C-alpha atoms as a PDB file:
ATOM      1  CA  UNK A   1     -31.605  34.935   9.865  1.00  0.00           C
ATOM      2  CA  UNK A   2     -29.131  32.226  10.704  1.00  0.00           C
ATOM      3  CA  UNK A   3     -25.588  33.348  11.512  1.00  0.00           C
ATOM      4  CA  UNK A   4     -24.047  30.836   9.104  1.00  0.00           C
ATOM      5  CA  UNK A   5     -26.345  31.887   6.286  1.00  0.00           C
ATOM      6  CA  UNK A   6     -25.614  35.558   6.932  1.00  0.00           C
ATOM      7  CA  UNK A   7     -21.842  35.122   6.852  1.00  0.00           C
ATOM      8  CA  UNK A   8     -21.483  32.662   3.980  1.00  0.00           C
ATOM      9  CA  UNK A   9     -24.449  33.530   1.805  1.00  0.00           C
ATOM     10  CA  UNK A  10     -25.854  29.994   2.036  1.00  0.00           C
ATOM     11  CA  UNK A  11     -29.612  29.858   1.664  1.00  0.00           C
ATOM     12  CA  UNK A  12     -31.988  26.950   2.103  1.00  0.00           C
ATOM     13  CA  UNK A  13     -31.656  24.175   4.601  1.00  0.00           C
ATOM     14  CA  UNK A  14     -28.347  24.525   6.380  1.00  0.00           C
ATOM     15  CA  UNK A  15     -29.304  21.455   8.437  1.00  0.00           C
ATOM     16  CA  UNK A  16     -28.887  19.320   5.302  1.00  0.00           C
ATOM     17  CA  UNK A  17     -25.320  20.478   4.944  1.00  0.00           C
ATOM     18  CA  UNK A  18     -24.728  19.765   8.611  1.00  0.00           C
ATOM     19  CA  UNK A  19     -26.099  16.250   8.306  1.00  0.00           C
ATOM     20  CA  UNK A  20     -23.988  15.597   5.241  1.00  0.00           C
ATOM     21  CA  UNK A  21     -20.900  16.562   7.200  1.00  0.00           C
ATOM     22  CA  UNK A  22     -22.066  14.609  10.254  1.00  0.00           C
ATOM     23  CA  UNK A  23     -22.455  11.427   8.188  1.00  0.00           C
ATOM     24  CA  UNK A  24     -18.799  11.384   7.150  1.00  0.00           C
ATOM     25  CA  UNK A  25     -17.510  10.338  10.596  1.00  0.00           C
ATOM     26  CA  UNK A  26     -19.850   7.373  11.126  1.00  0.00           C
ATOM     27  CA  UNK A  27     -19.226   6.256   7.535  1.00  0.00           C
ATOM     28  CA  UNK A  28     -15.504   6.098   8.199  1.00  0.00           C
ATOM     29  CA  UNK A  29     -16.154   4.445  11.576  1.00  0.00           C
ATOM     30  CA  UNK A  30     -18.238   1.659  10.037  1.00  0.00           C
ATOM     31  CA  UNK A  31     -15.498   1.020   7.494  1.00  0.00           C
ATOM     32  CA  UNK A  32     -12.888   0.766  10.234  1.00  0.00           C
ATOM     33  CA  UNK A  33     -15.069  -1.599  12.312  1.00  0.00           C
ATOM     34  CA  UNK A  34     -15.624  -4.043   9.442  1.00  0.00           C
ATOM     35  CA  UNK A  35     -11.997  -3.807   8.299  1.00  0.00           C
ATOM     36  CA  UNK A  36     -10.879  -4.754  11.807  1.00  0.00           C
ATOM     37  CA  UNK A  37     -13.336  -7.654  11.862  1.00  0.00           C
ATOM     38  CA  UNK A  38     -12.097  -8.979   8.536  1.00  0.00           C
ATOM     39  CA  UNK A  39      -8.490  -8.647   9.629  1.00  0.00           C
ATOM     40  CA  UNK A  40      -9.155 -10.408  12.955  1.00  0.00           C
ATOM     41  CA  UNK A  41     -10.998 -13.246  11.215  1.00  0.00           C
ATOM     42  CA  UNK A  42      -8.221 -13.634   8.671  1.00  0.00           C
ATOM     43  CA  UNK A  43      -5.591 -13.851  11.404  1.00  0.00           C
ATOM     44  CA  UNK A  44      -7.529 -16.185  13.690  1.00  0.00           C
ATOM     45  CA  UNK A  45     -10.515 -17.848  11.965  1.00  0.00           C
ATOM     46  CA  UNK A  46     -11.666 -19.758  15.038  1.00  0.00           C
ATOM     47  CA  UNK A  47     -12.507 -16.487  16.828  1.00  0.00           C
ATOM     48  CA  UNK A  48     -14.918 -15.314  14.109  1.00  0.00           C
ATOM     49  CA  UNK A  49     -18.007 -15.966  16.232  1.00  0.00           C
ATOM     50  CA  UNK A  50     -16.764 -13.892  19.164  1.00  0.00           C
ATOM     51  CA  UNK A  51     -15.424 -11.028  17.079  1.00  0.00           C
ATOM     52  CA  UNK A  52     -18.626 -10.903  14.989  1.00  0.00           C
ATOM     53  CA  UNK A  53     -20.527  -9.866  18.119  1.00  0.00           C
ATOM     54  CA  UNK A  54     -18.108  -7.018  18.722  1.00  0.00           C
ATOM     55  CA  UNK A  55     -18.267  -6.015  15.052  1.00  0.00           C
ATOM     56  CA  UNK A  56     -22.045  -5.659  15.156  1.00  0.00           C
ATOM     57  CA  UNK A  57     -21.812  -3.742  18.438  1.00  0.00           C
ATOM     58  CA  UNK A  58     -19.278  -1.333  16.950  1.00  0.00           C
ATOM     59  CA  UNK A  59     -21.412  -0.988  13.825  1.00  0.00           C
ATOM     60  CA  UNK A  60     -24.510  -0.147  15.889  1.00  0.00           C
ATOM     61  CA  UNK A  61     -22.675   2.453  17.959  1.00  0.00           C
ATOM     62  CA  UNK A  62     -21.233   4.098  14.851  1.00  0.00           C
ATOM     63  CA  UNK A  63     -24.625   4.223  13.183  1.00  0.00           C
ATOM     64  CA  UNK A  64     -26.139   5.718  16.343  1.00  0.00           C
ATOM     65  CA  UNK A  65     -23.851   8.703  15.821  1.00  0.00           C
ATOM     66  CA  UNK A  66     -25.233   9.110  12.305  1.00  0.00           C
ATOM     67  CA  UNK A  67     -28.797   9.035  13.625  1.00  0.00           C
ATOM     68  CA  UNK A  68     -27.950  11.625  16.264  1.00  0.00           C
ATOM     69  CA  UNK A  69     -26.434  13.797  13.548  1.00  0.00           C
ATOM     70  CA  UNK A  70     -29.668  13.424  11.572  1.00  0.00           C
ATOM     71  CA  UNK A  71     -31.942  14.402  14.464  1.00  0.00           C
ATOM     72  CA  UNK A  72     -29.994  17.326  15.956  1.00  0.00           C
ATOM     73  CA  UNK A  73     -30.643  19.798  13.079  1.00  0.00           C
ATOM     74  CA  UNK A  74     -34.369  19.148  13.418  1.00  0.00           C
ATOM     75  CA  UNK A  75     -34.323  19.598  17.188  1.00  0.00           C
ATOM     76  CA  UNK A  76     -32.262  22.786  17.242  1.00  0.00           C
ATOM     77  CA  UNK A  77     -33.402  24.184  13.893  1.00  0.00           C
ATOM     78  CA  UNK A  78     -35.416  27.360  13.930  1.00  0.00           C
END
């Protein structure tokens, strides 16, 4: 029996709860990345091409954290 399930009375897939919590951080991170891109483009429109590259890079790195959070419960789940 899982320690978390024994102490809290949660039954079923605890990994689903873990992934739900792990997806909050990357969701906020993606919002911050695109908000910064929009703000930078609004302040200096001629730099939109350069900052778009950094926006997509930041988006990809944030989403990689979500994918890691999705895979870890399957790897370490018993």
